[in-house]
């Protein structure tokens, strides 16, 4: 995946509390993780149940290092001179250049993660929340995509919040600089890659 093994390190960080799956994953994702928590509250005895509380987190990992996501308009911004779909250098280019994650590709991947995460939500009276988390790895991230990451926000409530809600968290790691960018809800995810 990434040259310095950051992908494996982050997967290991998630594996402590999440069930990780790396096989038979539909694109554009290369791994998925699921965390489920169920709590029951009682009054004195178990037969006097007060509440059921379910909390879930669906995490999708995407390695954009080889996706070739720059389009022609972003090519100058990313300083590219190769065929983006096949990662083949043109004759006038001296050395390979890393792929740059564009704003359009970011929105496409984020929307896919949000839709796939929401399809796994089962709201009912005991459902508290089901969050969707996207962890992106890229060689380079365009300046417009960096701005978009900070602004990207999805939220959905079920039955006006009586059946819980879903929020979207995003962490993007730029391998060329070691920079980590998150949206507002994903700020706590920086702790995972802070010391890697």
N, C-alpha and C. Protein backbone atom coordinates (compact mmCIF):
# COMPACT_ATOMS: atom_id res chain seq x y z
N UNK A 1 0.84 -1.19 0.00
CA UNK A 1 0.00 0.00 0.00
C UNK A 1 0.88 1.25 0.00
N UNK A 2 1.15 1.84 1.14
CA UNK A 2 2.02 3.00 1.21
C UNK A 2 3.42 2.55 1.50
N UNK A 3 4.39 3.30 0.96
CA UNK A 3 5.79 2.92 1.07
C UNK A 3 6.27 2.79 2.50
N UNK A 4 5.82 3.65 3.39
CA UNK A 4 6.33 3.61 4.76
C UNK A 4 5.47 2.75 5.68
N UNK A 5 4.52 2.00 5.15
CA UNK A 5 3.72 1.08 5.95
C UNK A 5 2.69 1.74 6.84
N UNK A 6 2.34 2.98 6.56
CA UNK A 6 1.38 3.69 7.42
C UNK A 6 0.01 3.01 7.38
N UNK A 7 -0.35 2.44 6.24
CA UNK A 7 -1.64 1.75 6.13
C UNK A 7 -1.72 0.61 7.13
N UNK A 8 -0.69 -0.22 7.16
CA UNK A 8 -0.67 -1.36 8.09
C UNK A 8 -0.68 -0.90 9.54
N UNK A 9 0.02 0.19 9.83
CA UNK A 9 0.05 0.71 11.19
C UNK A 9 -1.32 1.21 11.64
N UNK A 10 -2.03 1.87 10.75
CA UNK A 10 -3.37 2.36 11.10
C UNK A 10 -4.35 1.20 11.24
N UNK A 11 -4.25 0.22 10.35
CA UNK A 11 -5.10 -0.97 10.47
C UNK A 11 -4.87 -1.64 11.82
N UNK A 12 -3.61 -1.75 12.24
CA UNK A 12 -3.30 -2.35 13.54
C UNK A 12 -3.86 -1.53 14.69
N UNK A 13 -3.86 -0.21 14.54
CA UNK A 13 -4.43 0.65 15.58
C UNK A 13 -5.94 0.42 15.71
N UNK A 14 -6.62 0.22 14.60
CA UNK A 14 -8.06 -0.03 14.62
C UNK A 14 -8.38 -1.44 15.09
N UNK A 15 -7.48 -2.40 14.86
CA UNK A 15 -7.78 -3.81 15.14
C UNK A 15 -7.98 -4.09 16.63
N UNK A 16 -7.60 -3.19 17.48
CA UNK A 16 -7.77 -3.41 18.91
C UNK A 16 -9.25 -3.44 19.32
N UNK A 17 -10.05 -2.58 18.72
CA UNK A 17 -11.47 -2.49 19.09
C UNK A 17 -12.43 -2.82 17.95
N UNK A 18 -11.92 -2.92 16.73
CA UNK A 18 -12.77 -3.10 15.56
C UNK A 18 -12.53 -4.48 14.94
N UNK A 19 -13.55 -5.00 14.27
CA UNK A 19 -13.41 -6.21 13.47
C UNK A 19 -13.00 -5.77 12.07
N UNK A 20 -11.78 -6.13 11.65
CA UNK A 20 -11.21 -5.69 10.38
C UNK A 20 -11.45 -6.75 9.32
N UNK A 21 -11.80 -6.31 8.12
CA UNK A 21 -11.96 -7.20 6.99
C UNK A 21 -11.19 -6.63 5.80
N UNK A 22 -10.31 -7.42 5.21
CA UNK A 22 -9.55 -6.97 4.04
C UNK A 22 -9.80 -7.84 2.82
N UNK A 23 -10.64 -8.84 2.94
CA UNK A 23 -10.93 -9.72 1.82
C UNK A 23 -12.35 -9.49 1.32
N UNK A 24 -12.53 -9.63 0.01
CA UNK A 24 -13.84 -9.47 -0.65
C UNK A 24 -14.47 -8.11 -0.37
N UNK A 25 -13.67 -7.06 -0.43
CA UNK A 25 -14.15 -5.70 -0.21
C UNK A 25 -14.44 -5.06 -1.57
N UNK A 26 -15.62 -4.48 -1.70
CA UNK A 26 -15.98 -3.80 -2.95
C UNK A 26 -15.22 -2.48 -3.05
N UNK A 27 -14.82 -2.15 -4.27
CA UNK A 27 -14.12 -0.89 -4.52
C UNK A 27 -15.00 0.30 -4.23
N UNK A 28 -14.44 1.43 -3.99
CA UNK A 28 -13.04 1.82 -4.08
C UNK A 28 -12.25 1.55 -2.79
N UNK A 29 -12.80 0.77 -1.89
CA UNK A 29 -12.17 0.57 -0.59
C UNK A 29 -11.29 -0.68 -0.59
N UNK A 30 -10.25 -0.64 0.25
CA UNK A 30 -9.33 -1.79 0.32
C UNK A 30 -9.49 -2.54 1.64
N UNK A 31 -10.20 -1.96 2.61
CA UNK A 31 -10.45 -2.63 3.89
C UNK A 31 -11.65 -1.97 4.56
N UNK A 32 -12.29 -2.72 5.45
CA UNK A 32 -13.41 -2.21 6.24
C UNK A 32 -13.25 -2.65 7.68
N UNK A 33 -13.79 -1.86 8.58
CA UNK A 33 -13.76 -2.20 10.01
C UNK A 33 -15.13 -1.88 10.61
N UNK A 34 -15.54 -2.69 11.57
CA UNK A 34 -16.85 -2.51 12.21
C UNK A 34 -16.68 -2.57 13.72
N UNK A 35 -17.29 -1.62 14.41
CA UNK A 35 -17.35 -1.63 15.87
C UNK A 35 -18.82 -1.59 16.26
N UNK A 36 -19.24 -2.54 17.10
CA UNK A 36 -20.62 -2.57 17.57
C UNK A 36 -20.62 -2.68 19.09
N UNK A 37 -21.46 -1.87 19.70
CA UNK A 37 -21.58 -1.87 21.15
C UNK A 37 -23.06 -1.95 21.52
N UNK A 38 -23.39 -2.86 22.43
CA UNK A 38 -24.77 -3.02 22.90
C UNK A 38 -24.76 -2.97 24.42
N UNK A 39 -25.55 -2.06 24.96
CA UNK A 39 -25.65 -1.89 26.41
C UNK A 39 -27.11 -2.01 26.82
N UNK A 40 -27.35 -2.71 27.91
CA UNK A 40 -28.71 -2.81 28.47
C UNK A 40 -28.70 -2.23 29.87
N UNK A 41 -29.72 -1.47 30.19
CA UNK A 41 -29.84 -0.88 31.52
C UNK A 41 -31.03 -1.50 32.23
N UNK A 42 -30.83 -1.83 33.52
CA UNK A 42 -31.86 -2.49 34.32
C UNK A 42 -32.18 -1.66 35.55
N UNK A 43 -33.33 -1.96 36.12
CA UNK A 43 -33.71 -1.36 37.40
C UNK A 43 -33.82 -2.50 38.41
N UNK A 44 -32.85 -2.64 39.28
CA UNK A 44 -32.75 -3.64 40.33
C UNK A 44 -32.57 -5.07 39.82
N UNK A 45 -33.44 -5.55 38.95
CA UNK A 45 -33.33 -6.92 38.43
C UNK A 45 -33.34 -6.88 36.90
N UNK A 46 -32.84 -7.95 36.29
CA UNK A 46 -32.75 -7.97 34.83
C UNK A 46 -34.11 -7.96 34.14
N UNK A 47 -35.10 -8.44 34.81
CA UNK A 47 -36.43 -8.47 34.19
C UNK A 47 -37.03 -7.07 34.08
N UNK A 48 -36.51 -6.12 34.84
CA UNK A 48 -37.00 -4.74 34.78
C UNK A 48 -36.04 -3.92 33.91
N UNK A 49 -36.03 -4.25 32.63
CA UNK A 49 -35.12 -3.57 31.70
C UNK A 49 -35.62 -2.15 31.42
N UNK A 50 -34.71 -1.19 31.51
CA UNK A 50 -35.05 0.21 31.28
C UNK A 50 -34.75 0.61 29.83
N UNK A 51 -33.59 0.17 29.31
CA UNK A 51 -33.21 0.61 27.97
C UNK A 51 -32.23 -0.34 27.32
N UNK A 52 -32.29 -0.37 25.99
CA UNK A 52 -31.27 -1.00 25.14
C UNK A 52 -30.59 0.14 24.39
N UNK A 53 -29.27 0.11 24.34
CA UNK A 53 -28.54 1.17 23.64
C UNK A 53 -27.53 0.52 22.70
N UNK A 54 -27.68 0.79 21.40
CA UNK A 54 -26.75 0.29 20.39
C UNK A 54 -25.98 1.45 19.79
N UNK A 55 -24.67 1.25 19.67
CA UNK A 55 -23.80 2.24 19.05
C UNK A 55 -22.89 1.50 18.08
N UNK A 56 -22.77 2.02 16.86
CA UNK A 56 -21.99 1.37 15.81
C UNK A 56 -21.05 2.37 15.14
N UNK A 57 -19.97 1.85 14.59
CA UNK A 57 -19.07 2.65 13.78
C UNK A 57 -18.60 1.79 12.62
N UNK A 58 -18.83 2.27 11.39
CA UNK A 58 -18.42 1.56 10.18
C UNK A 58 -17.28 2.35 9.55
N UNK A 59 -16.11 1.73 9.45
CA UNK A 59 -14.92 2.41 8.95
C UNK A 59 -14.55 1.83 7.59
N UNK A 60 -14.28 2.73 6.64
CA UNK A 60 -13.87 2.33 5.30
C UNK A 60 -12.49 2.92 5.02
N UNK A 61 -11.57 2.07 4.57
CA UNK A 61 -10.20 2.48 4.26
C UNK A 61 -10.04 2.52 2.75
N UNK A 62 -9.45 3.60 2.24
CA UNK A 62 -9.24 3.74 0.81
C UNK A 62 -7.82 4.21 0.55
N UNK A 63 -7.09 3.45 -0.25
CA UNK A 63 -5.73 3.82 -0.65
C UNK A 63 -5.80 4.44 -2.03
N UNK A 64 -5.63 5.75 -2.10
CA UNK A 64 -5.72 6.48 -3.36
C UNK A 64 -4.36 6.65 -4.03
N UNK A 65 -3.36 5.95 -3.58
CA UNK A 65 -2.01 6.10 -4.14
C UNK A 65 -1.94 5.67 -5.60
N UNK A 66 -2.79 4.74 -5.99
CA UNK A 66 -2.73 4.24 -7.36
C UNK A 66 -4.01 4.49 -8.14
N UNK A 67 -4.86 5.39 -7.65
CA UNK A 67 -6.15 5.55 -8.32
C UNK A 67 -6.11 6.52 -9.48
N UNK A 68 -5.07 7.32 -9.62
CA UNK A 68 -4.99 8.23 -10.76
C UNK A 68 -6.15 9.18 -10.81
N UNK A 69 -6.37 9.95 -9.77
CA UNK A 69 -7.60 10.72 -9.65
C UNK A 69 -7.51 12.14 -10.15
N UNK A 70 -6.38 12.61 -10.64
CA UNK A 70 -6.31 13.97 -11.17
C UNK A 70 -6.98 14.01 -12.53
N UNK A 71 -7.76 15.04 -12.77
CA UNK A 71 -8.31 15.23 -14.09
C UNK A 71 -7.48 16.30 -14.81
N UNK A 72 -7.83 16.62 -16.06
CA UNK A 72 -7.02 17.52 -16.86
C UNK A 72 -6.93 18.92 -16.25
N UNK A 73 -8.01 19.39 -15.62
CA UNK A 73 -7.99 20.73 -15.04
C UNK A 73 -7.06 20.80 -13.83
N UNK A 74 -6.93 19.72 -13.10
CA UNK A 74 -6.11 19.71 -11.90
C UNK A 74 -4.65 19.36 -12.20
N UNK A 75 -4.36 19.01 -13.46
CA UNK A 75 -3.03 18.53 -13.77
C UNK A 75 -1.96 19.58 -13.47
N UNK A 76 -2.21 20.83 -13.80
CA UNK A 76 -1.23 21.87 -13.52
C UNK A 76 -1.08 22.09 -12.02
N UNK A 77 -2.17 21.99 -11.28
CA UNK A 77 -2.12 22.16 -9.84
C UNK A 77 -1.25 21.08 -9.19
N UNK A 78 -1.29 19.89 -9.73
CA UNK A 78 -0.55 18.76 -9.16
C UNK A 78 0.82 18.58 -9.78
N UNK A 79 1.14 19.36 -10.83
CA UNK A 79 2.43 19.25 -11.53
C UNK A 79 2.65 17.85 -12.08
N UNK A 80 1.65 17.32 -12.78
CA UNK A 80 1.75 15.98 -13.34
C UNK A 80 2.10 16.05 -14.82
N UNK A 81 2.75 15.03 -15.31
CA UNK A 81 3.03 14.94 -16.75
C UNK A 81 3.00 13.47 -17.19
N UNK A 82 2.03 12.73 -16.73
CA UNK A 82 1.92 11.33 -17.11
C UNK A 82 0.46 10.97 -17.31
N UNK A 83 0.23 9.82 -17.88
CA UNK A 83 -1.12 9.33 -18.13
C UNK A 83 -1.72 8.91 -16.79
N UNK A 84 -2.77 9.61 -16.36
CA UNK A 84 -3.32 9.42 -15.02
C UNK A 84 -4.05 8.10 -14.85
N UNK A 85 -4.57 7.55 -15.94
CA UNK A 85 -5.31 6.30 -15.82
C UNK A 85 -4.39 5.09 -15.73
N UNK A 86 -3.21 5.16 -16.31
CA UNK A 86 -2.35 3.99 -16.33
C UNK A 86 -1.03 4.20 -15.60
N UNK A 87 -0.79 5.37 -15.05
CA UNK A 87 0.45 5.71 -14.34
C UNK A 87 1.68 5.42 -15.21
N UNK A 88 1.59 5.80 -16.49
CA UNK A 88 2.70 5.63 -17.42
C UNK A 88 3.27 7.00 -17.73
N UNK A 89 4.58 7.14 -17.67
CA UNK A 89 5.23 8.41 -17.94
C UNK A 89 5.20 8.74 -19.43
N UNK A 90 5.05 10.02 -19.74
CA UNK A 90 5.21 10.47 -21.11
C UNK A 90 6.70 10.55 -21.42
N UNK A 91 7.04 10.61 -22.71
CA UNK A 91 8.44 10.59 -23.13
C UNK A 91 9.23 11.79 -22.61
N UNK A 92 8.57 12.95 -22.45
CA UNK A 92 9.30 14.15 -22.05
C UNK A 92 9.44 14.29 -20.54
N UNK A 93 9.01 13.32 -19.78
CA UNK A 93 9.10 13.40 -18.31
C UNK A 93 10.28 12.57 -17.83
N UNK A 94 11.06 13.11 -16.92
CA UNK A 94 12.28 12.44 -16.47
C UNK A 94 12.05 11.43 -15.36
N UNK A 95 11.09 11.69 -14.47
CA UNK A 95 10.92 10.80 -13.33
C UNK A 95 9.44 10.66 -12.97
N UNK A 96 9.05 9.60 -12.31
CA UNK A 96 7.66 9.42 -11.92
C UNK A 96 7.24 10.46 -10.89
N UNK A 97 5.97 10.81 -10.94
CA UNK A 97 5.41 11.77 -10.00
C UNK A 97 4.24 11.10 -9.30
N UNK A 98 4.03 11.42 -8.04
CA UNK A 98 2.96 10.78 -7.28
C UNK A 98 1.60 11.27 -7.73
N UNK A 99 0.59 10.44 -7.53
CA UNK A 99 -0.77 10.77 -7.90
C UNK A 99 -1.35 11.73 -6.88
N UNK A 100 -2.13 12.69 -7.36
CA UNK A 100 -2.71 13.70 -6.50
C UNK A 100 -4.22 13.46 -6.39
N UNK A 101 -4.73 13.40 -5.17
CA UNK A 101 -6.16 13.20 -4.94
C UNK A 101 -6.91 14.50 -5.24
N UNK A 102 -7.83 14.46 -6.19
CA UNK A 102 -8.59 15.65 -6.57
C UNK A 102 -9.84 15.78 -5.72
N UNK A 103 -10.44 16.95 -5.78
CA UNK A 103 -11.66 17.23 -5.01
C UNK A 103 -12.82 16.36 -5.50
N UNK A 104 -12.93 16.17 -6.83
CA UNK A 104 -14.02 15.36 -7.38
C UNK A 104 -13.90 13.91 -6.93
N UNK A 105 -12.68 13.36 -6.93
CA UNK A 105 -12.49 11.97 -6.50
C UNK A 105 -12.77 11.83 -5.01
N UNK A 106 -12.37 12.83 -4.22
CA UNK A 106 -12.65 12.82 -2.79
C UNK A 106 -14.14 12.76 -2.53
N UNK A 107 -14.91 13.61 -3.21
CA UNK A 107 -16.36 13.62 -3.03
C UNK A 107 -16.99 12.30 -3.44
N UNK A 108 -16.47 11.70 -4.52
CA UNK A 108 -16.99 10.41 -4.99
C UNK A 108 -16.74 9.31 -3.95
N UNK A 109 -15.54 9.26 -3.40
CA UNK A 109 -15.20 8.23 -2.41
C UNK A 109 -15.98 8.46 -1.12
N UNK A 110 -16.10 9.71 -0.68
CA UNK A 110 -16.84 10.02 0.55
C UNK A 110 -18.32 9.66 0.41
N UNK A 111 -18.90 9.97 -0.74
CA UNK A 111 -20.31 9.63 -0.97
C UNK A 111 -20.51 8.11 -0.97
N UNK A 112 -19.57 7.38 -1.56
CA UNK A 112 -19.67 5.91 -1.58
C UNK A 112 -19.59 5.34 -0.16
N UNK A 113 -18.69 5.88 0.66
CA UNK A 113 -18.57 5.41 2.04
C UNK A 113 -19.84 5.72 2.83
N UNK A 114 -20.38 6.92 2.67
CA UNK A 114 -21.59 7.33 3.38
C UNK A 114 -22.77 6.44 3.00
N UNK A 115 -22.96 6.20 1.72
CA UNK A 115 -24.08 5.36 1.27
C UNK A 115 -23.93 3.92 1.75
N UNK A 116 -22.72 3.39 1.65
CA UNK A 116 -22.50 2.01 2.09
C UNK A 116 -22.68 1.88 3.60
N UNK A 117 -22.23 2.88 4.35
CA UNK A 117 -22.41 2.86 5.80
C UNK A 117 -23.87 2.95 6.21
N UNK A 118 -24.62 3.85 5.56
CA UNK A 118 -26.05 4.00 5.89
C UNK A 118 -26.84 2.75 5.55
N UNK A 119 -26.40 2.00 4.54
CA UNK A 119 -27.13 0.78 4.17
C UNK A 119 -27.04 -0.28 5.27
N UNK A 120 -26.11 -0.14 6.20
CA UNK A 120 -25.92 -1.11 7.28
C UNK A 120 -26.59 -0.68 8.58
N UNK A 121 -27.21 0.48 8.59
CA UNK A 121 -27.85 1.00 9.80
C UNK A 121 -29.24 0.41 9.95
N UNK A 122 -29.58 -0.01 11.18
CA UNK A 122 -30.92 -0.52 11.50
C UNK A 122 -31.49 0.32 12.65
N UNK A 123 -32.11 1.45 12.34
CA UNK A 123 -32.63 2.29 13.42
C UNK A 123 -33.86 1.67 14.09
N UNK A 124 -33.90 1.75 15.38
CA UNK A 124 -35.06 1.33 16.18
C UNK A 124 -35.00 2.09 17.50
N UNK A 125 -35.90 1.83 18.42
CA UNK A 125 -35.98 2.62 19.66
C UNK A 125 -34.71 2.57 20.50
N UNK A 126 -33.92 1.51 20.37
CA UNK A 126 -32.70 1.39 21.17
C UNK A 126 -31.43 1.80 20.43
N UNK A 127 -31.58 2.27 19.21
CA UNK A 127 -30.41 2.67 18.42
C UNK A 127 -29.97 4.07 18.84
N UNK A 128 -28.72 4.20 19.26
CA UNK A 128 -28.20 5.51 19.66
C UNK A 128 -27.55 6.22 18.47
N UNK A 129 -26.50 5.60 17.91
CA UNK A 129 -25.83 6.19 16.75
C UNK A 129 -25.13 5.13 15.93
N UNK A 130 -24.95 5.43 14.66
CA UNK A 130 -24.17 4.60 13.75
C UNK A 130 -23.35 5.56 12.91
N UNK A 131 -22.08 5.71 13.26
CA UNK A 131 -21.22 6.64 12.54
C UNK A 131 -20.53 5.94 11.38
N UNK A 132 -20.22 6.72 10.36
CA UNK A 132 -19.48 6.24 9.19
C UNK A 132 -18.16 6.99 9.18
N UNK A 133 -17.06 6.24 9.10
CA UNK A 133 -15.73 6.84 9.11
C UNK A 133 -14.99 6.44 7.84
N UNK A 134 -14.35 7.41 7.21
CA UNK A 134 -13.55 7.17 6.02
C UNK A 134 -12.11 7.54 6.32
N UNK A 135 -11.19 6.61 6.07
CA UNK A 135 -9.75 6.86 6.24
C UNK A 135 -9.11 6.74 4.86
N UNK A 136 -8.58 7.87 4.37
CA UNK A 136 -7.98 7.95 3.05
C UNK A 136 -6.46 8.01 3.14
N UNK A 137 -5.79 7.34 2.21
CA UNK A 137 -4.34 7.42 2.07
C UNK A 137 -4.06 7.89 0.65
N UNK A 138 -3.22 8.91 0.49
CA UNK A 138 -2.88 9.41 -0.84
C UNK A 138 -1.44 9.87 -0.86
N UNK A 139 -0.80 9.77 -2.04
CA UNK A 139 0.56 10.29 -2.19
C UNK A 139 0.55 11.80 -2.00
N UNK A 140 -0.37 12.45 -2.72
CA UNK A 140 -0.54 13.89 -2.61
C UNK A 140 -2.02 14.21 -2.64
N UNK A 141 -2.39 15.32 -2.02
CA UNK A 141 -3.78 15.78 -1.99
C UNK A 141 -3.79 17.20 -2.52
N UNK A 142 -4.64 17.47 -3.51
CA UNK A 142 -4.70 18.81 -4.09
C UNK A 142 -5.16 19.82 -3.04
N UNK A 143 -4.83 21.08 -3.27
CA UNK A 143 -5.18 22.13 -2.31
C UNK A 143 -6.69 22.28 -2.17
N UNK A 144 -7.43 22.10 -3.27
CA UNK A 144 -8.89 22.18 -3.20
C UNK A 144 -9.47 21.02 -2.40
N UNK A 145 -8.87 19.84 -2.56
CA UNK A 145 -9.34 18.67 -1.80
C UNK A 145 -9.05 18.84 -0.31
N UNK A 146 -7.93 19.46 0.03
CA UNK A 146 -7.63 19.72 1.45
C UNK A 146 -8.67 20.62 2.07
N UNK A 147 -9.11 21.64 1.34
CA UNK A 147 -10.16 22.53 1.85
C UNK A 147 -11.48 21.78 1.98
N UNK A 148 -11.77 20.94 0.98
CA UNK A 148 -13.03 20.19 0.98
C UNK A 148 -13.09 19.20 2.14
N UNK A 149 -11.95 18.58 2.48
CA UNK A 149 -11.91 17.61 3.58
C UNK A 149 -12.38 18.27 4.87
N UNK A 150 -11.91 19.47 5.13
CA UNK A 150 -12.27 20.18 6.36
C UNK A 150 -13.74 20.55 6.40
N UNK A 151 -14.35 20.74 5.23
CA UNK A 151 -15.75 21.17 5.16
C UNK A 151 -16.74 20.01 5.02
N UNK A 152 -16.26 18.85 4.63
CA UNK A 152 -17.13 17.72 4.31
C UNK A 152 -17.90 17.26 5.55
N UNK A 153 -19.21 17.20 5.43
CA UNK A 153 -20.05 16.84 6.57
C UNK A 153 -21.32 16.17 6.08
N UNK A 154 -21.58 14.99 6.59
CA UNK A 154 -22.85 14.30 6.36
C UNK A 154 -23.45 14.01 7.72
N UNK A 155 -24.78 14.11 7.80
CA UNK A 155 -25.48 13.83 9.06
C UNK A 155 -26.89 13.39 8.73
N UNK A 156 -27.39 12.42 9.48
CA UNK A 156 -28.77 11.98 9.30
C UNK A 156 -29.33 11.56 10.65
N UNK A 157 -30.54 12.01 10.95
CA UNK A 157 -31.22 11.57 12.17
C UNK A 157 -32.41 10.70 11.76
N UNK A 158 -32.76 9.77 12.62
CA UNK A 158 -33.84 8.82 12.34
C UNK A 158 -35.00 9.12 13.27
N UNK A 159 -36.18 9.35 12.69
CA UNK A 159 -37.40 9.68 13.45
C UNK A 159 -37.13 10.85 14.40
N UNK A 160 -36.58 11.94 13.83
CA UNK A 160 -36.27 13.17 14.58
C UNK A 160 -35.35 12.91 15.77
N UNK A 161 -34.46 11.95 15.63
CA UNK A 161 -33.51 11.65 16.69
C UNK A 161 -33.98 10.62 17.70
N UNK A 162 -35.25 10.24 17.66
CA UNK A 162 -35.76 9.24 18.61
C UNK A 162 -35.16 7.86 18.35
N UNK A 163 -34.83 7.58 17.10
CA UNK A 163 -34.21 6.31 16.74
C UNK A 163 -32.72 6.48 16.46
N UNK A 164 -32.12 7.54 16.93
CA UNK A 164 -30.69 7.75 16.81
C UNK A 164 -30.30 8.61 15.63
N UNK A 165 -29.00 8.59 15.31
CA UNK A 165 -28.46 9.42 14.26
C UNK A 165 -27.23 8.77 13.66
N UNK A 166 -26.79 9.34 12.55
CA UNK A 166 -25.54 8.92 11.91
C UNK A 166 -24.74 10.16 11.55
N UNK A 167 -23.44 10.10 11.80
CA UNK A 167 -22.53 11.19 11.47
C UNK A 167 -21.37 10.66 10.63
N UNK A 168 -20.67 11.56 9.97
CA UNK A 168 -19.58 11.19 9.08
C UNK A 168 -18.26 11.77 9.58
N UNK A 169 -17.25 10.89 9.73
CA UNK A 169 -15.91 11.32 10.14
C UNK A 169 -14.94 10.99 9.01
N UNK A 170 -13.96 11.85 8.82
CA UNK A 170 -13.02 11.69 7.72
C UNK A 170 -11.61 12.00 8.17
N UNK A 171 -10.67 11.12 7.82
CA UNK A 171 -9.25 11.33 8.06
C UNK A 171 -8.53 11.08 6.74
N UNK A 172 -7.71 12.03 6.32
CA UNK A 172 -6.91 11.87 5.10
C UNK A 172 -5.45 12.01 5.45
N UNK A 173 -4.64 11.06 4.97
CA UNK A 173 -3.20 11.06 5.24
C UNK A 173 -2.46 11.25 3.93
N UNK A 174 -1.63 12.29 3.85
CA UNK A 174 -0.83 12.57 2.67
C UNK A 174 0.56 12.00 2.89
N UNK A 175 0.91 10.96 2.14
CA UNK A 175 2.16 10.23 2.37
C UNK A 175 3.40 11.05 2.04
N UNK A 176 3.33 11.93 1.04
CA UNK A 176 4.52 12.68 0.63
C UNK A 176 4.98 13.66 1.70
N UNK A 177 4.06 14.21 2.48
CA UNK A 177 4.42 15.19 3.51
C UNK A 177 4.21 14.68 4.93
N UNK A 178 3.47 13.58 5.09
CA UNK A 178 3.14 13.08 6.42
C UNK A 178 2.03 13.89 7.08
N UNK A 179 1.36 14.71 6.31
CA UNK A 179 0.31 15.58 6.83
C UNK A 179 -1.00 14.81 6.99
N UNK A 180 -1.71 15.10 8.06
CA UNK A 180 -3.00 14.50 8.34
C UNK A 180 -4.05 15.60 8.40
N UNK A 181 -5.16 15.40 7.68
CA UNK A 181 -6.24 16.39 7.65
C UNK A 181 -7.54 15.66 7.97
N UNK A 182 -8.39 16.29 8.78
CA UNK A 182 -9.68 15.69 9.15
C UNK A 182 -10.80 16.70 8.98
N UNK A 183 -12.02 16.19 8.94
CA UNK A 183 -13.15 17.10 9.05
C UNK A 183 -13.42 17.35 10.54
N UNK A 184 -14.41 18.15 10.85
CA UNK A 184 -14.66 18.54 12.24
C UNK A 184 -14.92 17.33 13.14
N UNK A 185 -15.74 16.42 12.69
CA UNK A 185 -16.07 15.25 13.52
C UNK A 185 -14.92 14.25 13.61
N UNK A 186 -14.00 14.30 12.67
CA UNK A 186 -12.90 13.35 12.66
C UNK A 186 -11.66 13.82 13.39
N UNK A 187 -11.74 14.93 14.11
CA UNK A 187 -10.55 15.48 14.77
C UNK A 187 -9.93 14.49 15.76
N UNK A 188 -10.75 13.68 16.41
CA UNK A 188 -10.19 12.71 17.37
C UNK A 188 -9.43 11.58 16.69
N UNK A 189 -9.59 11.41 15.39
CA UNK A 189 -8.86 10.37 14.66
C UNK A 189 -7.38 10.74 14.46
N UNK A 190 -7.03 12.01 14.62
CA UNK A 190 -5.63 12.43 14.48
C UNK A 190 -4.73 11.74 15.50
N UNK A 191 -5.29 11.37 16.64
CA UNK A 191 -4.51 10.68 17.66
C UNK A 191 -3.96 9.35 17.14
N UNK A 192 -4.68 8.71 16.22
CA UNK A 192 -4.24 7.42 15.68
C UNK A 192 -2.95 7.55 14.88
N UNK A 193 -2.81 8.63 14.14
CA UNK A 193 -1.64 8.77 13.28
C UNK A 193 -0.65 9.81 13.81
N UNK A 194 -0.92 10.37 14.94
CA UNK A 194 -0.06 11.41 15.50
C UNK A 194 1.34 10.94 15.78
N UNK A 195 1.50 9.71 16.23
CA UNK A 195 2.83 9.22 16.60
C UNK A 195 3.34 8.14 15.64
N UNK A 196 2.74 8.00 14.48
CA UNK A 196 3.19 6.99 13.52
C UNK A 196 4.25 7.54 12.58
